[in-house]
Structures are given as C-alpha cells and as structure tokens.
Amino acid sequence: MKKFLLKWPILLITAALLAVSCSDDDDDNGNNDTQKTIAATVEGDARFTLLLDALTRTNLVDDLADAGAEFTVFAPNDAAFTALLGDMGYNSVAELETALTTPVLRNILLYHVLGAKVTSDMVATGYATTEATNADGDKLSLFTRSSGGVSVNGISNVEDPDIMASNGVIHEVTAVLMPLNIVQLVALNTETYSSLTAALGAADGNLVAVLSSETDIYTVFAPDDDAFADLLTTTGSADLNELITNLGGTDVLANVLLYHVVSGNIRAEDLSNGPVPTAFPGNSIDVVVGSEVTLNGTSTVKETNIQGTNGVVHRISAVLQP
C-alpha cells in the first residue's frame, strides 16, 4: 500500500510539468489563438486608415479575414496613400476609386499581397508573385531587394516588418505600389539585367518605349549579365560600346535584341517544341522543351514567368544570334 500511495505525488508533478511544456510549445508556435486576422489587424491600427478605406471599397476585407488562408501584405501606411493622392491630384480614396474604377483599384491593392506567409528574414533579392493579375488572369510579379533592409519595386521601403496575424504577416511600407511592365521589371534587377537594360537603351528603334507599350503584348527571352559577358568575350569586346562596333552598329544591336522578343504572353507552361517567330522580321528561334527549355540549342531558360502588365520575361543563359 505504501508503494501505491507514493506514486501520486510523482504523477502530479509529471502532469504539471507536461502542462507547462505544452503551454510553452503553444507560445513557440506563434500563439495564433490570440492573434487577429490581417483584416482585423489593419482595422485596429491607426497607421492604416486609408488602406482600410481602400480595402473596404474594393471588397477585400473579407478575403484578408479568411482564417483558412495565408497571406503576406505589403501594407502602405497613411503617409504613403497621402503621397499617392497628392501626386495624382486627388483628395480622397473615394476620388481615387472613381478615377481608376473599383476593379483597377482592387488590382492595385492585390499587387501588395502575396499568397503565402513571407516574413522579412525570408525575403530575398528577386521576383515574387502577387495576387494581382493581368487581363488574362496571369499573376503579376514585383521585385524585392533584401540588402540594407527590405524594399519593394525600388520605391517602397519596409518600415515596420513582421506584424504577425493569424492568417499571415503584414509589412508596413512607405509607398503605394503600381503594377510594372516588363521593361520596368527588368530594369529594377540590376544584379541580373544591367547589361540588357543598357543595350535596350543604346539600340536603335527606341526599344524601351516599344517594350513598355501597354497596347502590345510581348514575351522577352532575356539574356542575363553572364550571357552578355560571354558575348563580350567571344566578340573580343571590352564593353558595350565596343560590342556595338563589332556587331556593326546600333541598328544591328536592335535586331539582335528584337530576336529575343516574341509576340504575345507566352508563359513557361505554354512553351512547346518548334520554331517561334520573333520581332526581328523573318527570323525564328527554335524552342526545345525537355528536362529544361533550350533555345537554338545554345541558350537555356534559367528563370521563368516574370510577369509584367504587358507581357512576360524568361531569363536565359546566352545571347541569341539571328
């Protein structure tokens, strides 16, 4: 009998320790039971009154209140919205909505939303896919840079990161983001496309303006900086100016660049084997889809579906020659 009775204090102590351990585990997991949804967090934060107004007008509050979803929201504060309104000559979000239309304003707000939880330590320098779409329903890309703090599209800085919510995370940002075209997306990525950006600016035909058009849709197979470095080596060129001379002039450079441009919004999942006509008249590139996508047997697709408002960009490993 004595042995049986002695077990009770031990059992009680063990149960108490287990209870404390479980409580600690709940805290370590983010304590979601005590957190509000993204919608409720925005509603309760005085920094985001204009954002809340915009979300309410575009019927996005319920979406961001969805407990079964996970989002990242780059949330413009009131100062960001006030600056936008001032720049556009409007006095209120209501005037902005009237001028843009509700669907356009809704898409702008969705451009600040990622469909997964991404904390600030997870943000990398590169492209991310938003919940905003083009006319065909393809999700638009934005560009984040993580060095020296997080910034978005080169204009908006994360001022207060990692405001946790039960269905994701909010990062307070200093500017309202507008969806970008393919030229703007390429130009932002100076780590990857500085040579291509410089070449587009130097070529005949005002290619920057051509590829920035919102009335024409393009697919660009974009050679990265390593691809241009290889071309400089093979042509014996020291820099872009010497490359232009060795190619035969800025008109030839324009043709080389147009050889990387295809009409229409052709995403990676839509690529198929065979020749594809390019914007350089009379010239096609040969696409082979296998374990990887190759062009003309010389260039490999390294990154796909960088989606702009007027087309899509795929990063490639070599400059294509007509």
Protein backbone atom coordinates (compact mmCIF):
# COMPACT_ATOMS: atom_id res chain seq x y z
CA MET A 1 0.00 0.00 0.00
CA LYS A 2 2.83 2.42 0.80
CA LYS A 3 4.34 1.97 -2.65
CA PHE A 4 0.98 2.70 -4.32
CA LEU A 5 0.48 5.95 -2.37
CA LEU A 6 3.98 7.23 -3.13
CA LYS A 7 3.22 7.25 -6.85
CA TRP A 8 0.63 10.05 -6.60
CA PRO A 9 3.00 13.00 -5.87
CA ILE A 10 5.21 11.86 -8.73
CA LEU A 11 2.25 11.66 -11.12
CA LEU A 12 1.00 15.10 -10.11
CA ILE A 13 4.45 16.68 -10.61
CA THR A 14 4.78 14.99 -14.01
CA ALA A 15 1.33 16.25 -15.09
CA ALA A 16 2.22 19.77 -14.02
CA LEU A 17 5.48 19.68 -15.98
CA LEU A 18 3.64 18.40 -19.05
CA ALA A 19 1.12 21.22 -18.78
CA VAL A 20 3.89 23.82 -18.61
CA SER A 21 5.67 22.19 -21.54
CA CYS A 22 2.50 22.23 -23.67
CA SER A 23 1.92 25.89 -22.81
CA ASP A 24 5.49 26.73 -23.87
CA ASP A 25 5.01 24.85 -27.14
CA ASP A 26 1.87 26.86 -27.90
CA ASP A 27 3.79 30.11 -27.37
CA ASP A 28 6.63 28.94 -29.63
CA ASN A 29 4.15 28.26 -32.43
CA GLY A 30 3.14 31.90 -32.65
CA ASN A 31 0.16 31.78 -30.29
CA ASN A 32 -2.25 32.17 -33.22
CA ASP A 33 -5.25 31.89 -30.89
CA THR A 34 -4.52 35.38 -29.57
CA GLN A 35 -3.69 36.94 -32.95
CA LYS A 36 -6.15 38.75 -35.18
CA THR A 37 -6.55 38.19 -38.89
CA ILE A 38 -4.80 40.53 -41.31
CA ALA A 39 -8.06 42.38 -41.91
CA ALA A 40 -8.69 42.87 -38.20
CA THR A 41 -5.08 43.90 -37.59
CA VAL A 42 -5.27 46.57 -40.30
CA GLU A 43 -8.62 47.75 -38.94
CA GLY A 44 -7.18 48.16 -35.46
CA ASP A 45 -4.02 50.02 -36.49
CA ALA A 46 -4.17 53.81 -36.84
CA ARG A 47 -1.36 53.75 -39.42
CA PHE A 48 -3.60 52.08 -42.00
CA THR A 49 -6.89 54.05 -42.07
CA LEU A 50 -6.61 54.89 -45.78
CA LEU A 51 -5.62 51.33 -46.64
CA LEU A 52 -8.66 50.09 -44.74
CA ASP A 53 -10.84 52.53 -46.66
CA ALA A 54 -9.47 51.19 -49.95
CA LEU A 55 -9.86 47.55 -48.87
CA THR A 56 -13.45 48.18 -47.84
CA ARG A 57 -14.34 49.88 -51.12
CA THR A 58 -12.90 47.00 -53.15
CA ASN A 59 -14.46 44.21 -51.05
CA LEU A 60 -11.09 42.82 -49.99
CA VAL A 61 -11.69 42.89 -46.25
CA ASP A 62 -13.39 39.50 -46.25
CA ASP A 63 -10.55 37.99 -48.29
CA LEU A 64 -7.95 39.17 -45.78
CA ALA A 65 -10.15 37.95 -42.94
CA ASP A 66 -10.10 34.38 -44.27
CA ALA A 67 -8.81 32.25 -41.41
CA GLY A 68 -8.10 29.36 -43.77
CA ALA A 69 -5.71 31.32 -45.97
CA GLU A 70 -2.17 32.66 -45.56
CA PHE A 71 -1.03 35.99 -46.99
CA THR A 72 1.78 38.47 -46.90
CA VAL A 73 0.64 42.08 -47.20
CA PHE A 74 2.99 44.95 -48.00
CA ALA A 75 0.73 47.50 -46.33
CA PRO A 76 1.10 51.16 -47.37
CA ASN A 77 0.68 53.45 -44.39
CA ASP A 78 -1.41 56.62 -44.41
CA ALA A 79 1.58 58.74 -45.41
CA ALA A 80 2.09 56.51 -48.47
CA PHE A 81 -1.53 56.90 -49.56
CA THR A 82 -1.47 60.63 -48.89
CA ALA A 83 1.61 60.98 -51.11
CA LEU A 84 -0.08 58.99 -53.90
CA LEU A 85 -3.24 61.06 -53.70
CA GLY A 86 -1.20 64.26 -53.82
CA ASP A 87 0.83 63.08 -56.81
CA MET A 88 -2.32 62.15 -58.72
CA GLY A 89 -4.26 65.27 -57.72
CA TYR A 90 -6.97 63.60 -55.64
CA ASN A 91 -8.23 64.47 -52.18
CA SER A 92 -9.51 61.08 -51.01
CA VAL A 93 -9.54 57.36 -51.66
CA ALA A 94 -13.10 57.82 -52.93
CA GLU A 95 -11.86 60.18 -55.66
CA LEU A 96 -9.06 57.73 -56.50
CA GLU A 97 -11.55 54.88 -56.82
CA THR A 98 -13.79 56.93 -59.11
CA ALA A 99 -10.89 57.92 -61.34
CA LEU A 100 -9.31 54.46 -61.59
CA THR A 101 -12.52 52.37 -61.29
CA THR A 102 -13.08 49.88 -58.50
CA PRO A 103 -11.62 46.86 -60.36
CA VAL A 104 -8.38 48.72 -61.11
CA LEU A 105 -8.03 49.90 -57.50
CA ARG A 106 -8.72 46.35 -56.32
CA ASN A 107 -5.95 45.00 -58.56
CA ILE A 108 -3.53 47.64 -57.27
CA LEU A 109 -4.27 46.53 -53.71
CA LEU A 110 -3.84 42.86 -54.67
CA TYR A 111 -0.45 43.82 -56.08
CA HIS A 112 0.59 44.32 -52.44
CA VAL A 113 -0.46 40.78 -51.49
CA LEU A 114 1.48 37.51 -51.76
CA GLY A 115 -0.36 34.21 -51.50
CA ALA A 116 1.88 32.82 -48.75
CA LYS A 117 3.36 33.92 -45.45
CA VAL A 118 6.77 35.51 -46.06
CA THR A 119 8.49 37.01 -43.03
CA SER A 120 11.19 39.63 -43.51
CA ASP A 121 14.02 37.13 -42.97
CA MET A 122 12.60 35.05 -45.85
CA VAL A 123 12.63 37.92 -48.35
CA ALA A 124 15.34 37.57 -51.00
CA THR A 125 16.51 39.85 -53.78
CA GLY A 126 14.43 38.77 -56.74
CA TYR A 127 10.93 38.47 -58.13
CA ALA A 128 7.82 37.45 -56.20
CA THR A 129 4.35 36.58 -57.44
CA THR A 130 1.46 38.74 -56.26
CA GLU A 131 -2.29 38.18 -56.19
CA ALA A 132 -2.83 40.90 -58.82
CA THR A 133 -3.39 39.76 -62.40
CA ASN A 134 -3.14 40.92 -65.99
CA ALA A 135 -6.12 40.85 -68.36
CA ASP A 136 -5.66 37.08 -68.91
CA GLY A 137 -5.56 36.24 -65.22
CA ASP A 138 -1.79 35.69 -65.01
CA LYS A 139 -0.43 36.78 -61.65
CA LEU A 140 1.84 39.83 -61.78
CA SER A 141 5.38 39.97 -60.40
CA LEU A 142 7.08 42.50 -58.15
CA PHE A 143 10.73 42.88 -57.25
CA THR A 144 12.10 42.78 -53.71
CA ARG A 145 15.58 43.66 -52.54
CA SER A 146 16.79 42.42 -49.16
CA SER A 147 20.15 44.18 -48.77
CA GLY A 148 20.16 47.05 -46.27
CA GLY A 149 16.56 46.36 -45.28
CA VAL A 150 13.69 45.17 -47.41
CA SER A 151 12.47 47.31 -50.32
CA VAL A 152 9.84 46.66 -52.96
CA ASN A 153 10.00 47.74 -56.61
CA GLY A 154 12.77 50.18 -55.77
CA ILE A 155 10.39 52.80 -54.35
CA SER A 156 8.84 51.38 -51.21
CA ASN A 157 10.76 50.51 -48.04
CA VAL A 158 9.57 48.18 -45.32
CA GLU A 159 9.30 50.47 -42.31
CA ASP A 160 7.89 48.02 -39.78
CA PRO A 161 8.33 44.34 -40.71
CA ASP A 162 6.69 41.20 -39.37
CA ILE A 163 3.40 42.42 -37.92
CA MET A 164 2.07 38.94 -37.26
CA ALA A 165 -1.52 37.94 -37.89
CA SER A 166 -3.35 34.64 -37.50
CA ASN A 167 -3.52 34.19 -41.28
CA GLY A 168 -0.19 35.65 -42.34
CA VAL A 169 2.06 38.66 -41.90
CA ILE A 170 1.99 42.40 -42.61
CA HIS A 171 4.96 44.57 -43.55
CA GLU A 172 4.33 48.31 -43.29
CA VAL A 173 5.67 50.03 -46.42
CA THR A 174 6.31 53.65 -47.33
CA ALA A 175 4.81 53.85 -50.83
CA VAL A 176 1.83 52.52 -52.75
CA LEU A 177 2.98 50.08 -55.44
CA MET A 178 1.76 50.21 -59.02
CA PRO A 179 1.97 47.11 -61.28
CA LEU A 180 5.02 47.23 -63.56
CA ASN A 181 5.58 46.46 -67.23
CA ILE A 182 8.30 44.10 -68.48
CA VAL A 183 10.88 46.85 -69.10
CA GLN A 184 10.44 48.19 -65.58
CA LEU A 185 10.76 44.73 -64.03
CA VAL A 186 13.96 44.06 -65.96
CA ALA A 187 15.47 47.47 -65.16
CA LEU A 188 14.92 47.02 -61.42
CA ASN A 189 17.03 43.87 -61.32
CA THR A 190 20.44 45.49 -61.68
CA GLU A 191 22.08 42.37 -60.24
CA THR A 192 20.94 40.33 -63.25
CA TYR A 193 19.97 42.56 -66.17
CA SER A 194 22.17 45.67 -66.09
CA SER A 195 23.73 44.78 -69.47
CA LEU A 196 20.37 44.10 -71.12
CA THR A 197 18.98 47.37 -69.78
CA ALA A 198 21.96 49.29 -71.14
CA ALA A 199 21.68 47.54 -74.51
CA LEU A 200 17.98 48.34 -74.81
CA GLY A 201 18.78 52.00 -74.19
CA ALA A 202 21.61 52.08 -76.74
CA ALA A 203 19.87 50.26 -79.61
CA ASP A 204 18.06 51.92 -82.48
CA GLY A 205 14.27 51.92 -82.59
CA ASN A 206 13.56 53.27 -79.10
CA LEU A 207 13.13 49.72 -77.82
CA VAL A 208 12.49 50.84 -74.24
CA ALA A 209 9.36 52.67 -75.37
CA VAL A 210 8.33 49.86 -77.72
CA LEU A 211 8.56 47.20 -75.00
CA SER A 212 6.86 49.48 -72.48
CA SER A 213 3.70 49.77 -74.58
CA GLU A 214 0.54 48.69 -72.79
CA THR A 215 -1.26 48.06 -76.09
CA ASP A 216 1.17 45.43 -77.41
CA ILE A 217 1.95 42.23 -75.51
CA TYR A 218 5.39 40.62 -75.63
CA THR A 219 7.39 37.67 -74.39
CA VAL A 220 11.06 38.50 -73.82
CA PHE A 221 13.77 35.85 -73.55
CA ALA A 222 16.13 38.00 -71.51
CA PRO A 223 19.88 37.27 -71.52
CA ASP A 224 21.36 37.88 -68.09
CA ASP A 225 24.64 39.66 -67.33
CA ASP A 226 26.63 36.43 -67.55
CA ALA A 227 25.25 35.90 -71.06
CA PHE A 228 26.38 39.36 -72.13
CA ALA A 229 29.79 38.83 -70.50
CA ASP A 230 30.21 35.68 -72.59
CA LEU A 231 29.25 37.61 -75.74
CA LEU A 232 31.82 40.29 -74.96
CA THR A 233 34.45 37.58 -74.67
CA THR A 234 33.53 35.77 -77.88
CA THR A 235 33.44 39.02 -79.88
CA GLY A 236 36.63 40.39 -78.32
CA SER A 237 34.77 43.39 -76.94
CA ALA A 238 35.83 45.28 -73.84
CA ASP A 239 32.42 46.86 -73.18
CA LEU A 240 29.02 47.58 -74.69
CA ASN A 241 30.31 50.37 -76.93
CA GLU A 242 32.95 48.12 -78.43
CA LEU A 243 30.40 45.34 -78.79
CA ILE A 244 28.16 47.66 -80.79
CA THR A 245 31.07 48.48 -83.08
CA ASN A 246 31.99 44.82 -83.50
CA LEU A 247 28.37 43.86 -84.25
CA GLY A 248 28.11 46.56 -86.91
CA GLY A 249 26.22 49.39 -85.22
CA THR A 250 23.21 50.21 -83.06
CA ASP A 251 20.83 49.07 -85.81
CA VAL A 252 22.36 45.58 -85.72
CA LEU A 253 22.17 45.61 -81.93
CA ALA A 254 18.46 46.41 -82.22
CA ASN A 255 17.94 43.40 -84.48
CA VAL A 256 19.80 41.14 -82.07
CA LEU A 257 17.61 42.31 -79.21
CA LEU A 258 14.39 42.02 -81.22
CA TYR A 259 15.43 38.43 -81.96
CA HIS A 260 14.75 37.76 -78.27
CA VAL A 261 11.20 39.17 -78.43
CA VAL A 262 8.09 37.18 -79.34
CA SER A 263 4.56 38.50 -79.79
CA GLY A 264 2.05 37.53 -77.10
CA ASN A 265 2.23 36.49 -73.46
CA ILE A 266 3.83 33.03 -73.66
CA ARG A 267 4.36 31.64 -70.18
CA ALA A 268 6.63 28.69 -69.44
CA GLU A 269 3.71 26.27 -69.26
CA ASP A 270 2.67 27.34 -72.78
CA LEU A 271 6.05 26.74 -74.45
CA SER A 272 6.22 23.88 -76.92
CA ASN A 273 8.72 22.39 -79.36
CA GLY A 274 9.28 24.13 -82.65
CA PRO A 275 10.17 27.44 -84.29
CA VAL A 276 8.72 30.65 -82.87
CA PRO A 277 8.63 33.85 -84.99
CA THR A 278 10.38 36.80 -83.37
CA ALA A 279 10.05 40.57 -83.59
CA PHE A 280 13.07 40.58 -85.92
CA PRO A 281 11.12 40.03 -89.17
CA GLY A 282 11.81 36.77 -91.00
CA ASN A 283 13.66 35.18 -88.10
CA SER A 284 12.52 32.49 -85.67
CA ILE A 285 14.04 30.85 -82.64
CA ASP A 286 13.89 27.09 -82.17
CA VAL A 287 12.40 26.01 -78.84
CA VAL A 288 13.04 22.56 -77.38
CA VAL A 289 11.13 21.59 -74.23
CA GLY A 290 12.61 18.74 -72.21
CA SER A 291 14.06 18.43 -68.74
CA GLU A 292 14.96 22.06 -69.40
CA VAL A 293 13.97 24.53 -72.09
CA THR A 294 16.63 25.39 -74.67
CA LEU A 295 16.63 27.98 -77.45
CA ASN A 296 18.54 27.39 -80.69
CA GLY A 297 20.44 24.65 -78.86
CA THR A 298 22.70 27.25 -77.26
CA SER A 299 20.73 29.03 -74.53
CA THR A 300 18.97 27.58 -71.50
CA VAL A 301 15.97 29.11 -69.77
CA LYS A 302 17.10 29.77 -66.17
CA GLU A 303 14.08 31.58 -64.67
CA THR A 304 10.52 31.78 -65.94
CA ASN A 305 7.28 33.74 -65.72
CA ILE A 306 8.45 37.16 -64.58
CA GLN A 307 5.05 38.63 -65.31
CA GLY A 308 4.51 42.26 -66.21
CA THR A 309 1.40 44.15 -67.19
CA ASN A 310 2.25 43.93 -70.88
CA GLY A 311 3.97 40.58 -71.16
CA VAL A 312 6.30 38.07 -69.57
CA VAL A 313 10.07 37.66 -69.22
CA HIS A 314 12.11 34.45 -69.14
CA ARG A 315 15.77 34.64 -68.12
CA ILE A 316 18.18 32.86 -70.49
CA SER A 317 21.84 31.87 -70.31
CA ALA A 318 23.18 33.10 -73.67
CA VAL A 319 22.60 35.91 -76.14
CA LEU A 320 20.87 34.52 -79.23
CA GLN A 321 22.31 35.30 -82.65
CA PRO A 322 19.95 35.68 -85.65
